[in-house]
C-alpha cells in the first residue's frame, strides 16, 4: 500500500507536474533576499481555517461549567468569526449502530468512541488506536471535506489563540511566520511545531532524533505534498511499535501516541516539512516570542508579544502560555487546563465570560464527525 500511495507511479507524475506548472517566485522582503512561490498574506480570510478535534462530546458542558475543550473551541470559534476565518471542529461519533446496536457489557463501552486505523495495510484483530491518534484522521478529513480552505491550523483541544493576538487576523500571523522562517509553502507545505526544553526533548534527543516536536499544533498549506505527509503520518500508526522505533513505546494505545510517529515522519520527510519556530535549534527556547532581535527580554504584558512579532522581533507559533506565541497550549497538566478554561471562557452572546456557569449551554457551531473508509468491526 505504501508503494501504491507514495511510490514511483504517483510521485514521479506529481513532481513533473510541479516542475512544469510551478508558479514564478516572488520577492517577500524589501531587499529581495527571500523568494517564495506564494505569498500567504494574500490569502482571503475565508480561505484560512482553524481545526480542532476531541473525542469527547463538545455539545455538552459539565456541572461546574464548560469543560476546557468546550471553552477552547468557543474562544477559537469567536476568534474566527471576528476575523472572517473558518472554524472546524471534528469528533468521533458513537459507533453503537455500526455493530448492530449491541448494548451489553464491554461491547457497549468499546463501541462508543473508538478511533481505529482504516487503511488497507491493517493486521489481524483490527487496529484500535488511542483517541488522540484521530487528530491525524481529522486533519485528513478536514482537508478532503473543505476544498475551498487553502490553509489549515490544527490545534489541540487545550490550545487557544493567545489573547495578545486576539485582534490580529491569521493572515497577518501567517505572514509573520512566513517572513521569519523564509518559508516557501510550495516546497514545504506542512509545518510541524517544536516543543520547548523538557524531559520529552531530552528523551528524543538521546535516542537519535534531530528535532523535538509537539503534535499539539500543526499547520499546512493545501498542496499534494501536504496531503501526502498527512496520509504518511496516519499510515505510520501501523509501523512496528518496537522494531526500528528508537523510542520503543507502544504508541498505538499508549503515550506519546501520534507524536511518536510524527518524529519518524519528520525524519523521513523533512524535505517537505517546515519546522517552527526556531528550525536552527533542536527545540524551541522558552519565551521565544518575547525576545527582540537584540536578544533583550521584552516586557511580557498582553500586548508586548504582539508588538514584538508584528514589528519583526521575537515570535513563535505555539508553546506554553507566557511564551509569547501566537497560540498558547495549556498542555502542562490538568491544573493548567482549568486555568485556560477560566481565562478563555466565552459567554453564549460572544463576550468574555468571567462569572461561574450554572447550567449547560450549546456550542454555537457545527460539529463534524470523522468519516472512515471502512466500518468498525470489533472482534
Foldseek 3Di string as FASTA:
>chain_A
DCCVQPNDVPPVVQVVCCVVVQADWDALDPVSPFTASDQLLPDDQQLEEEEEEDQDDLFKADQFFRALLLLQLLLQVLLCVVRVYHYAYEYAAAQCVVAPNDDDDPVNVDRGGWDFQFDDPADPQGGTFARVLCLLLRVLCVCVVCVSHFKYKYAYSLKHQALLCSVPGVSLVVNLQCVQLSDHCQFAFKEFEFAEDDVQLVLVVVLPQQAHTDPRIMMGGDDVLVSSLSVVLSVCLPPDQAVPQSSNDNQRYDPPNSSSSVSVSCVVPVRRYHYDDCVVHRGDYALQLQAFPVRDGHDQDSNRSVVQSSVPTGETDEYDPSSSYSMHRQPPDPVSSVVSSQVSGADPVGHRDNDTDRGIDGSPDDYHYRDHPDRDDGD
